[in-house]
Full PDB file with SEQRES, HELIX, SHEET, SSBOND, CRYST1, ORIGX, SCALE, CONECT and MASTER records, all heavy atoms in Angstrom:
SEQRES   1 A   38  PRO VAL ALA ALA ARG ALA LEU GLU ALA ARG SER ASP VAL          
SEQRES   2 A   38  ALA SER VAL GLU PRO SER ILE LEU THR ALA GLU LEU ARG          
SEQRES   3 A   38  ASP PRO THR PHE GLY ALA ASN PRO ASP HIS VAL ALA              
HELIX    1 AA1 VAL A    2  GLU A    8  1                                   7    
CRYST1    1.000    1.000    1.000  90.00  90.00  90.00 P 1           1          
ORIGX1      1.000000  0.000000  0.000000        0.00000                         
ORIGX2      0.000000  1.000000  0.000000        0.00000                         
ORIGX3      0.000000  0.000000  1.000000        0.00000                         
SCALE1      1.000000  0.000000  0.000000        0.00000                         
SCALE2      0.000000  1.000000  0.000000        0.00000                         
SCALE3      0.000000  0.000000  1.000000        0.00000                         
ATOM      1  N   PRO A   1      -5.671 -12.294  -9.857  1.00  0.00           N  
ATOM      2  CA  PRO A   1      -7.014 -12.671 -10.316  1.00  0.00           C  
ATOM      3  C   PRO A   1      -7.016 -13.971 -11.119  1.00  0.00           C  
ATOM      4  O   PRO A   1      -7.952 -14.756 -11.023  1.00  0.00           O  
ATOM      5  CB  PRO A   1      -7.435 -11.478 -11.185  1.00  0.00           C  
ATOM      6  CG  PRO A   1      -6.585 -10.350 -10.751  1.00  0.00           C  
ATOM      7  CD  PRO A   1      -5.288 -10.943 -10.309  1.00  0.00           C  
ATOM      8  N   VAL A   2      -5.966 -14.186 -11.902  1.00  0.00           N  
ATOM      9  CA  VAL A   2      -5.880 -15.421 -12.689  1.00  0.00           C  
ATOM     10  C   VAL A   2      -5.800 -16.626 -11.768  1.00  0.00           C  
ATOM     11  O   VAL A   2      -6.490 -17.644 -11.969  1.00  0.00           O  
ATOM     12  CB  VAL A   2      -4.662 -15.365 -13.628  1.00  0.00           C  
ATOM     13  CG1 VAL A   2      -4.504 -16.688 -14.378  1.00  0.00           C  
ATOM     14  CG2 VAL A   2      -4.788 -14.209 -14.611  1.00  0.00           C  
ATOM     15  N   ALA A   3      -4.966 -16.539 -10.729  1.00  0.00           N  
ATOM     16  CA  ALA A   3      -4.839 -17.640  -9.780  1.00  0.00           C  
ATOM     17  C   ALA A   3      -6.132 -17.843  -8.996  1.00  0.00           C  
ATOM     18  O   ALA A   3      -6.516 -18.980  -8.703  1.00  0.00           O  
ATOM     19  CB  ALA A   3      -3.680 -17.382  -8.831  1.00  0.00           C  
ATOM     20  N   ALA A   4      -6.819 -16.747  -8.658  1.00  0.00           N  
ATOM     21  CA  ALA A   4      -8.079 -16.864  -7.918  1.00  0.00           C  
ATOM     22  C   ALA A   4      -9.121 -17.609  -8.750  1.00  0.00           C  
ATOM     23  O   ALA A   4      -9.868 -18.453  -8.222  1.00  0.00           O  
ATOM     24  CB  ALA A   4      -8.586 -15.479  -7.538  1.00  0.00           C  
ATOM     25  N   ARG A   5      -9.197 -17.319 -10.049  1.00  0.00           N  
ATOM     26  CA  ARG A   5     -10.152 -18.024 -10.905  1.00  0.00           C  
ATOM     27  C   ARG A   5      -9.789 -19.504 -11.037  1.00  0.00           C  
ATOM     28  O   ARG A   5     -10.677 -20.373 -11.094  1.00  0.00           O  
ATOM     29  CB  ARG A   5     -10.208 -17.357 -12.280  1.00  0.00           C  
ATOM     30  CG  ARG A   5     -10.909 -16.003 -12.263  1.00  0.00           C  
ATOM     31  CD  ARG A   5     -11.224 -15.531 -13.670  1.00  0.00           C  
ATOM     32  NE  ARG A   5     -10.016 -15.234 -14.431  1.00  0.00           N  
ATOM     33  CZ  ARG A   5      -9.432 -14.040 -14.478  1.00  0.00           C  
ATOM     34  NH1 ARG A   5      -9.950 -13.033 -13.778  1.00  0.00           N  
ATOM     35  NH2 ARG A   5      -8.354 -13.849 -15.210  1.00  0.00           N  
ATOM     36  N   ALA A   6      -8.484 -19.791 -11.071  1.00  0.00           N  
ATOM     37  CA  ALA A   6      -8.052 -21.185 -11.154  1.00  0.00           C  
ATOM     38  C   ALA A   6      -8.415 -21.941  -9.880  1.00  0.00           C  
ATOM     39  O   ALA A   6      -8.823 -23.112  -9.935  1.00  0.00           O  
ATOM     40  CB  ALA A   6      -6.549 -21.254 -11.410  1.00  0.00           C  
ATOM     41  N   LEU A   7      -8.302 -21.290  -8.740  1.00  0.00           N  
ATOM     42  CA  LEU A   7      -8.692 -21.935  -7.477  1.00  0.00           C  
ATOM     43  C   LEU A   7     -10.198 -22.176  -7.435  1.00  0.00           C  
ATOM     44  O   LEU A   7     -10.660 -23.232  -7.001  1.00  0.00           O  
ATOM     45  CB  LEU A   7      -8.264 -21.062  -6.294  1.00  0.00           C  
ATOM     46  CG  LEU A   7      -6.769 -21.025  -5.963  1.00  0.00           C  
ATOM     47  CD1 LEU A   7      -6.494 -19.990  -4.877  1.00  0.00           C  
ATOM     48  CD2 LEU A   7      -6.279 -22.400  -5.502  1.00  0.00           C  
ATOM     49  N   GLU A   8     -10.950 -21.178  -7.890  1.00  0.00           N  
ATOM     50  CA  GLU A   8     -12.414 -21.310  -7.851  1.00  0.00           C  
ATOM     51  C   GLU A   8     -12.904 -22.435  -8.755  1.00  0.00           C  
ATOM     52  O   GLU A   8     -13.978 -23.020  -8.518  1.00  0.00           O  
ATOM     53  CB  GLU A   8     -13.061 -19.987  -8.247  1.00  0.00           C  
ATOM     54  CG  GLU A   8     -14.540 -19.905  -7.932  1.00  0.00           C  
ATOM     55  CD  GLU A   8     -15.075 -18.501  -8.097  1.00  0.00           C  
ATOM     56  OE1 GLU A   8     -14.514 -17.745  -8.918  1.00  0.00           O  
ATOM     57  OE2 GLU A   8     -16.044 -18.147  -7.397  1.00  0.00           O  
ATOM     58  N   ALA A   9     -12.139 -22.768  -9.796  1.00  0.00           N  
ATOM     59  CA  ALA A   9     -12.544 -23.830 -10.723  1.00  0.00           C  
ATOM     60  C   ALA A   9     -12.295 -25.227 -10.161  1.00  0.00           C  
ATOM     61  O   ALA A   9     -12.765 -26.215 -10.746  1.00  0.00           O  
ATOM     62  CB  ALA A   9     -11.793 -23.671 -12.042  1.00  0.00           C  
ATOM     63  N   ARG A  10     -11.614 -25.329  -9.036  1.00  0.00           N  
ATOM     64  CA  ARG A  10     -11.320 -26.641  -8.464  1.00  0.00           C  
ATOM     65  C   ARG A  10     -12.576 -27.235  -7.812  1.00  0.00           C  
ATOM     66  O   ARG A  10     -13.400 -26.504  -7.230  1.00  0.00           O  
ATOM     67  CB  ARG A  10     -10.204 -26.528  -7.425  1.00  0.00           C  
ATOM     68  CG  ARG A  10      -8.839 -26.207  -8.020  1.00  0.00           C  
ATOM     69  CD  ARG A  10      -7.806 -26.032  -6.913  1.00  0.00           C  
ATOM     70  NE  ARG A  10      -7.708 -27.216  -6.074  1.00  0.00           N  
ATOM     71  CZ  ARG A  10      -6.953 -28.278  -6.322  1.00  0.00           C  
ATOM     72  NH1 ARG A  10      -6.211 -28.293  -7.440  1.00  0.00           N  
ATOM     73  NH2 ARG A  10      -6.925 -29.305  -5.508  1.00  0.00           N  
ATOM     74  N   SER A  11     -12.660 -28.540  -7.863  1.00  0.00           N  
ATOM     75  CA  SER A  11     -13.826 -29.226  -7.298  1.00  0.00           C  
ATOM     76  C   SER A  11     -13.846 -29.181  -5.774  1.00  0.00           C  
ATOM     77  O   SER A  11     -14.920 -29.286  -5.159  1.00  0.00           O  
ATOM     78  CB  SER A  11     -13.854 -30.680  -7.759  1.00  0.00           C  
ATOM     79  OG  SER A  11     -12.667 -31.363  -7.350  1.00  0.00           O  
ATOM     80  N   ASP A  12     -12.672 -29.006  -5.139  1.00  0.00           N  
ATOM     81  CA  ASP A  12     -12.628 -28.969  -3.677  1.00  0.00           C  
ATOM     82  C   ASP A  12     -12.773 -27.559  -3.120  1.00  0.00           C  
ATOM     83  O   ASP A  12     -12.619 -27.344  -1.916  1.00  0.00           O  
ATOM     84  CB  ASP A  12     -11.343 -29.619  -3.154  1.00  0.00           C  
ATOM     85  CG  ASP A  12     -10.090 -28.974  -3.733  1.00  0.00           C  
ATOM     86  OD1 ASP A  12     -10.222 -28.143  -4.655  1.00  0.00           O  
ATOM     87  OD2 ASP A  12      -8.976 -29.298  -3.262  1.00  0.00           O  
ATOM     88  N   VAL A  13     -13.063 -26.583  -3.991  1.00  0.00           N  
ATOM     89  CA  VAL A  13     -13.247 -25.188  -3.566  1.00  0.00           C  
ATOM     90  C   VAL A  13     -14.676 -24.769  -3.870  1.00  0.00           C  
ATOM     91  O   VAL A  13     -15.161 -24.912  -4.997  1.00  0.00           O  
ATOM     92  CB  VAL A  13     -12.245 -24.258  -4.283  1.00  0.00           C  
ATOM     93  CG1 VAL A  13     -12.564 -22.797  -3.976  1.00  0.00           C  
ATOM     94  CG2 VAL A  13     -10.825 -24.591  -3.864  1.00  0.00           C  
ATOM     95  N   ALA A  14     -15.366 -24.251  -2.851  1.00  0.00           N  
ATOM     96  CA  ALA A  14     -16.751 -23.815  -3.026  1.00  0.00           C  
ATOM     97  C   ALA A  14     -16.826 -22.408  -3.606  1.00  0.00           C  
ATOM     98  O   ALA A  14     -17.653 -22.126  -4.477  1.00  0.00           O  
ATOM     99  CB  ALA A  14     -17.491 -23.885  -1.692  1.00  0.00           C  
ATOM    100  N   SER A  15     -15.973 -21.473  -3.114  1.00  0.00           N  
ATOM    101  CA  SER A  15     -16.020 -20.092  -3.603  1.00  0.00           C  
ATOM    102  C   SER A  15     -14.708 -19.386  -3.297  1.00  0.00           C  
ATOM    103  O   SER A  15     -13.975 -19.770  -2.377  1.00  0.00           O  
ATOM    104  CB  SER A  15     -17.185 -19.326  -2.965  1.00  0.00           C  
ATOM    105  OG  SER A  15     -16.972 -19.181  -1.565  1.00  0.00           O  
ATOM    106  N   VAL A  16     -14.437 -18.353  -4.073  1.00  0.00           N  
ATOM    107  CA  VAL A  16     -13.281 -17.482  -3.859  1.00  0.00           C  
ATOM    108  C   VAL A  16     -13.775 -16.046  -3.972  1.00  0.00           C  
ATOM    109  O   VAL A  16     -14.266 -15.634  -5.029  1.00  0.00           O  
ATOM    110  CB  VAL A  16     -12.159 -17.749  -4.883  1.00  0.00           C  
ATOM    111  CG1 VAL A  16     -11.001 -16.783  -4.653  1.00  0.00           C  
ATOM    112  CG2 VAL A  16     -11.680 -19.187  -4.805  1.00  0.00           C  
ATOM    113  N   GLU A  17     -13.643 -15.279  -2.905  1.00  0.00           N  
ATOM    114  CA  GLU A  17     -14.122 -13.898  -2.873  1.00  0.00           C  
ATOM    115  C   GLU A  17     -13.052 -12.986  -2.298  1.00  0.00           C  
ATOM    116  O   GLU A  17     -12.216 -13.441  -1.503  1.00  0.00           O  
ATOM    117  CB  GLU A  17     -15.392 -13.791  -2.010  1.00  0.00           C  
ATOM    118  CG  GLU A  17     -16.561 -14.628  -2.519  1.00  0.00           C  
ATOM    119  CD  GLU A  17     -17.739 -14.578  -1.553  1.00  0.00           C  
ATOM    120  OE1 GLU A  17     -17.520 -14.147  -0.405  1.00  0.00           O  
ATOM    121  OE2 GLU A  17     -18.845 -14.966  -1.953  1.00  0.00           O  
ATOM    122  N   PRO A  18     -13.052 -11.704  -2.667  1.00  0.00           N  
ATOM    123  CA  PRO A  18     -12.090 -10.775  -2.055  1.00  0.00           C  
ATOM    124  C   PRO A  18     -12.268 -10.740  -0.538  1.00  0.00           C  
ATOM    125  O   PRO A  18     -13.389 -10.739  -0.031  1.00  0.00           O  
ATOM    126  CB  PRO A  18     -12.447  -9.434  -2.687  1.00  0.00           C  
ATOM    127  CG  PRO A  18     -13.132  -9.783  -3.969  1.00  0.00           C  
ATOM    128  CD  PRO A  18     -13.880 -11.052  -3.700  1.00  0.00           C  
ATOM    129  N   SER A  19     -11.158 -10.730   0.175  1.00  0.00           N  
ATOM    130  CA  SER A  19     -11.187 -10.621   1.630  1.00  0.00           C  
ATOM    131  C   SER A  19     -11.108  -9.146   1.993  1.00  0.00           C  
ATOM    132  O   SER A  19     -10.062  -8.504   1.834  1.00  0.00           O  
ATOM    133  CB  SER A  19     -10.011 -11.390   2.238  1.00  0.00           C  
ATOM    134  OG  SER A  19      -9.997 -11.278   3.639  1.00  0.00           O  
ATOM    135  N   ILE A  20     -12.219  -8.588   2.457  1.00  0.00           N  
ATOM    136  CA  ILE A  20     -12.330  -7.142   2.675  1.00  0.00           C  
ATOM    137  C   ILE A  20     -12.347  -6.838   4.174  1.00  0.00           C  
ATOM    138  O   ILE A  20     -13.115  -7.438   4.932  1.00  0.00           O  
ATOM    139  CB  ILE A  20     -13.612  -6.596   2.017  1.00  0.00           C  
ATOM    140  CG1 ILE A  20     -13.604  -6.923   0.515  1.00  0.00           C  
ATOM    141  CG2 ILE A  20     -13.731  -5.097   2.233  1.00  0.00           C  
ATOM    142  CD1 ILE A  20     -14.911  -6.587  -0.180  1.00  0.00           C  
ATOM    143  N   LEU A  21     -11.493  -5.902   4.575  1.00  0.00           N  
ATOM    144  CA  LEU A  21     -11.468  -5.468   5.970  1.00  0.00           C  
ATOM    145  C   LEU A  21     -12.739  -4.692   6.292  1.00  0.00           C  
ATOM    146  O   LEU A  21     -13.282  -3.985   5.439  1.00  0.00           O  
ATOM    147  CB  LEU A  21     -10.253  -4.573   6.232  1.00  0.00           C  
ATOM    148  CG  LEU A  21      -8.869  -5.193   6.046  1.00  0.00           C  
ATOM    149  CD1 LEU A  21      -7.801  -4.110   6.168  1.00  0.00           C  
ATOM    150  CD2 LEU A  21      -8.623  -6.303   7.049  1.00  0.00           C  
ATOM    151  N   THR A  22     -13.205  -4.814   7.520  1.00  0.00           N  
ATOM    152  CA  THR A  22     -14.344  -3.997   7.931  1.00  0.00           C  
ATOM    153  C   THR A  22     -13.923  -2.538   7.998  1.00  0.00           C  
ATOM    154  O   THR A  22     -12.755  -2.214   8.278  1.00  0.00           O  
ATOM    155  CB  THR A  22     -14.869  -4.444   9.298  1.00  0.00           C  
ATOM    156  OG1 THR A  22     -13.818  -4.330  10.271  1.00  0.00           O  
ATOM    157  CG2 THR A  22     -15.352  -5.888   9.244  1.00  0.00           C  
ATOM    158  N   ALA A  23     -14.844  -1.644   7.726  1.00  0.00           N  
ATOM    159  CA  ALA A  23     -14.525  -0.215   7.613  1.00  0.00           C  
ATOM    160  C   ALA A  23     -14.008   0.374   8.919  1.00  0.00           C  
ATOM    161  O   ALA A  23     -13.295   1.383   8.908  1.00  0.00           O  
ATOM    162  CB  ALA A  23     -15.755   0.548   7.137  1.00  0.00           C  
ATOM    163  N   GLU A  24     -14.330  -0.241  10.048  1.00  0.00           N  
ATOM    164  CA  GLU A  24     -13.942   0.312  11.343  1.00  0.00           C  
ATOM    165  C   GLU A  24     -12.479   0.062  11.682  1.00  0.00           C  
ATOM    166  O   GLU A  24     -11.902   0.762  12.526  1.00  0.00           O  
ATOM    167  CB  GLU A  24     -14.814  -0.276  12.460  1.00  0.00           C  
ATOM    168  CG  GLU A  24     -16.289   0.112  12.379  1.00  0.00           C  
ATOM    169  CD  GLU A  24     -17.029  -0.654  11.287  1.00  0.00           C  
ATOM    170  OE1 GLU A  24     -16.529  -1.737  10.880  1.00  0.00           O  
ATOM    171  OE2 GLU A  24     -18.074  -0.161  10.815  1.00  0.00           O  
ATOM    172  N   LEU A  25     -11.859  -0.921  11.048  1.00  0.00           N  
ATOM    173  CA  LEU A  25     -10.463  -1.249  11.361  1.00  0.00           C  
ATOM    174  C   LEU A  25      -9.537  -0.136  10.881  1.00  0.00           C  
ATOM    175  O   LEU A  25      -9.741   0.454   9.821  1.00  0.00           O  
ATOM    176  CB  LEU A  25     -10.062  -2.568  10.712  1.00  0.00           C  
ATOM    177  CG  LEU A  25     -10.675  -3.837  11.318  1.00  0.00           C  
ATOM    178  CD1 LEU A  25     -10.215  -5.065  10.540  1.00  0.00           C  
ATOM    179  CD2 LEU A  25     -10.285  -3.975  12.792  1.00  0.00           C  
ATOM    180  N   ARG A  26      -8.499   0.138  11.674  1.00  0.00           N  
ATOM    181  CA  ARG A  26      -7.544   1.176  11.322  1.00  0.00           C  
ATOM    182  C   ARG A  26      -6.127   0.685  11.591  1.00  0.00           C  
ATOM    183  O   ARG A  26      -5.871  -0.002  12.572  1.00  0.00           O  
ATOM    184  CB  ARG A  26      -7.797   2.468  12.144  1.00  0.00           C  
ATOM    185  CG  ARG A  26      -9.055   3.224  11.722  1.00  0.00           C  
ATOM    186  CD  ARG A  26      -8.850   3.873  10.362  1.00  0.00           C  
ATOM    187  NE  ARG A  26      -9.993   4.646   9.918  1.00  0.00           N  
ATOM    188  CZ  ARG A  26     -11.004   4.168   9.219  1.00  0.00           C  
ATOM    189  NH1 ARG A  26     -11.011   2.889   8.877  1.00  0.00           N  
ATOM    190  NH2 ARG A  26     -11.998   4.936   8.836  1.00  0.00           N  
ATOM    191  N   ASP A  27      -5.209   1.045  10.692  1.00  0.00           N  
ATOM    192  CA  ASP A  27      -3.802   0.732  10.886  1.00  0.00           C  
ATOM    193  C   ASP A  27      -3.279   1.519  12.089  1.00  0.00           C  
ATOM    194  O   ASP A  27      -3.526   2.723  12.200  1.00  0.00           O  
ATOM    195  CB  ASP A  27      -3.016   1.097   9.625  1.00  0.00           C  
ATOM    196  CG  ASP A  27      -1.530   1.023   9.830  1.00  0.00           C  
ATOM    197  OD1 ASP A  27      -0.984  -0.101   9.773  1.00  0.00           O  
ATOM    198  OD2 ASP A  27      -0.916   2.075  10.077  1.00  0.00           O  
ATOM    199  N   PRO A  28      -2.540   0.880  13.013  1.00  0.00           N  
ATOM    200  CA  PRO A  28      -2.104   1.587  14.219  1.00  0.00           C  
ATOM    201  C   PRO A  28      -1.092   2.692  13.963  1.00  0.00           C  
ATOM    202  O   PRO A  28      -1.013   3.645  14.735  1.00  0.00           O  
ATOM    203  CB  PRO A  28      -1.490   0.470  15.080  1.00  0.00           C  
ATOM    204  CG  PRO A  28      -1.125  -0.615  14.117  1.00  0.00           C  
ATOM    205  CD  PRO A  28      -2.144  -0.543  13.029  1.00  0.00           C  
ATOM    206  N   THR A  29      -0.302   2.593  12.885  1.00  0.00           N  
ATOM    207  CA  THR A  29       0.724   3.603  12.618  1.00  0.00           C  
ATOM    208  C   THR A  29       0.146   4.836  11.941  1.00  0.00           C  
ATOM    209  O   THR A  29       0.423   5.969  12.344  1.00  0.00           O  
ATOM    210  CB  THR A  29       1.844   3.021  11.739  1.00  0.00           C  
ATOM    211  OG1 THR A  29       2.426   1.889  12.393  1.00  0.00           O  
ATOM    212  CG2 THR A  29       2.922   4.060  11.473  1.00  0.00           C  
ATOM    213  N   PHE A  30      -0.686   4.641  10.926  1.00  0.00           N  
ATOM    214  CA  PHE A  30      -1.185   5.768  10.128  1.00  0.00           C  
ATOM    215  C   PHE A  30      -2.674   6.040  10.336  1.00  0.00           C  
ATOM    216  O   PHE A  30      -3.189   7.038   9.825  1.00  0.00           O  
ATOM    217  CB  PHE A  30      -0.928   5.501   8.641  1.00  0.00           C  
ATOM    218  CG  PHE A  30       0.521   5.350   8.292  1.00  0.00           C  
ATOM    219  CD1 PHE A  30       1.095   4.095   8.164  1.00  0.00           C  
ATOM    220  CD2 PHE A  30       1.320   6.467   8.105  1.00  0.00           C  
ATOM    221  CE1 PHE A  30       2.432   3.948   7.835  1.00  0.00           C  
ATOM    222  CE2 PHE A  30       2.663   6.328   7.775  1.00  0.00           C  
ATOM    223  CZ  PHE A  30       3.224   5.068   7.651  1.00  0.00           C  
ATOM    224  N   GLY A  31      -3.380   5.142  11.034  1.00  0.00           N  
ATOM    225  CA  GLY A  31      -4.809   5.346  11.239  1.00  0.00           C  
ATOM    226  C   GLY A  31      -5.621   5.213   9.977  1.00  0.00           C  
ATOM    227  O   GLY A  31      -6.657   5.873   9.828  1.00  0.00           O  
ATOM    228  N   ALA A  32      -5.176   4.364   9.043  1.00  0.00           N  
ATOM    229  CA  ALA A  32      -5.843   4.222   7.758  1.00  0.00           C  
ATOM    230  C   ALA A  32      -6.373   2.808   7.583  1.00  0.00           C  
ATOM    231  O   ALA A  32      -5.963   1.876   8.272  1.00  0.00           O  
ATOM    232  CB  ALA A  32      -4.878   4.554   6.623  1.00  0.00           C  
ATOM    233  N   ASN A  33      -7.300   2.670   6.647  1.00  0.00           N  
ATOM    234  CA  ASN A  33      -7.824   1.372   6.254  1.00  0.00           C  
ATOM    235  C   ASN A  33      -7.619   1.245   4.747  1.00  0.00           C  
ATOM    236  O   ASN A  33      -8.261   1.955   3.974  1.00  0.00           O  
ATOM    237  CB  ASN A  33      -9.304   1.247   6.609  1.00  0.00           C  
ATOM    238  CG  ASN A  33      -9.867  -0.136   6.331  1.00  0.00           C  
ATOM    239  OD1 ASN A  33      -9.564  -0.751   5.327  1.00  0.00           O  
ATOM    240  ND2 ASN A  33     -10.720  -0.617   7.230  1.00  0.00           N  
ATOM    241  N   PRO A  34      -6.722   0.356   4.282  1.00  0.00           N  
ATOM    242  CA  PRO A  34      -6.390   0.318   2.853  1.00  0.00           C  
ATOM    243  C   PRO A  34      -7.521  -0.158   1.952  1.00  0.00           C  
ATOM    244  O   PRO A  34      -7.482   0.077   0.740  1.00  0.00           O  
ATOM    245  CB  PRO A  34      -5.207  -0.653   2.789  1.00  0.00           C  
ATOM    246  CG  PRO A  34      -5.381  -1.522   4.003  1.00  0.00           C  
ATOM    247  CD  PRO A  34      -5.966  -0.634   5.055  1.00  0.00           C  
ATOM    248  N   ASP A  35      -8.537  -0.822   2.516  1.00  0.00           N  
ATOM    249  CA  ASP A  35      -9.663  -1.308   1.702  1.00  0.00           C  
ATOM    250  C   ASP A  35     -10.774  -0.281   1.568  1.00  0.00           C  
ATOM    251  O   ASP A  35     -11.723  -0.491   0.802  1.00  0.00           O  
ATOM    252  CB  ASP A  35     -10.241  -2.593   2.304  1.00  0.00           C  
ATOM    253  CG  ASP A  35      -9.290  -3.763   2.179  1.00  0.00           C  
ATOM    254  OD1 ASP A  35      -8.261  -3.620   1.498  1.00  0.00           O  
ATOM    255  OD2 ASP A  35      -9.561  -4.826   2.769  1.00  0.00           O  
ATOM    256  N   HIS A  36     -10.660   0.823   2.307  1.00  0.00           N  
ATOM    257  CA  HIS A  36     -11.712   1.856   2.296  1.00  0.00           C  
ATOM    258  C   HIS A  36     -11.041   3.234   2.334  1.00  0.00           C  
ATOM    259  O   HIS A  36     -10.625   3.710   3.390  1.00  0.00           O  
ATOM    260  CB  HIS A  36     -12.649   1.699   3.494  1.00  0.00           C  
ATOM    261  CG  HIS A  36     -13.247   0.339   3.609  1.00  0.00           C  
ATOM    262  ND1 HIS A  36     -14.384  -0.043   2.934  1.00  0.00           N  
ATOM    263  CD2 HIS A  36     -12.860  -0.748   4.334  1.00  0.00           C  
ATOM    264  CE1 HIS A  36     -14.686  -1.301   3.229  1.00  0.00           C  
ATOM    265  NE2 HIS A  36     -13.777  -1.752   4.076  1.00  0.00           N  
ATOM    266  N   VAL A  37     -10.924   3.869   1.181  1.00  0.00           N  
ATOM    267  CA  VAL A  37     -10.378   5.226   1.082  1.00  0.00           C  
ATOM    268  C   VAL A  37     -11.468   6.113   0.508  1.00  0.00           C  
ATOM    269  O   VAL A  37     -11.930   5.904  -0.618  1.00  0.00           O  
ATOM    270  CB  VAL A  37      -9.125   5.266   0.194  1.00  0.00           C  
ATOM    271  CG1 VAL A  37      -8.616   6.696   0.054  1.00  0.00           C  
ATOM    272  CG2 VAL A  37      -8.026   4.363   0.756  1.00  0.00           C  
ATOM    273  N   ALA A  38     -11.901   7.083   1.289  1.00  0.00           N  
ATOM    274  CA  ALA A  38     -12.963   7.976   0.846  1.00  0.00           C  
ATOM    275  C   ALA A  38     -12.513   8.771  -0.379  1.00  0.00           C  
ATOM    276  O   ALA A  38     -11.313   9.033  -0.553  1.00  0.00           O  
ATOM    277  CB  ALA A  38     -13.351   8.926   1.976  1.00  0.00           C  
TER     278      ALA A  38                                                      
MASTER        0    0    0    1    0    0    0    6  277    1    0    3          
END                                                                             
């Protein structure tokens, strides 16, 4: 998070946001989505 805020403060960067997987995606080995756990 500290590095993300430092990047966002740069003049050549417009925004920094978490990169979130869509809920439909599933890991092929375990069938899970690490960004969405009920």
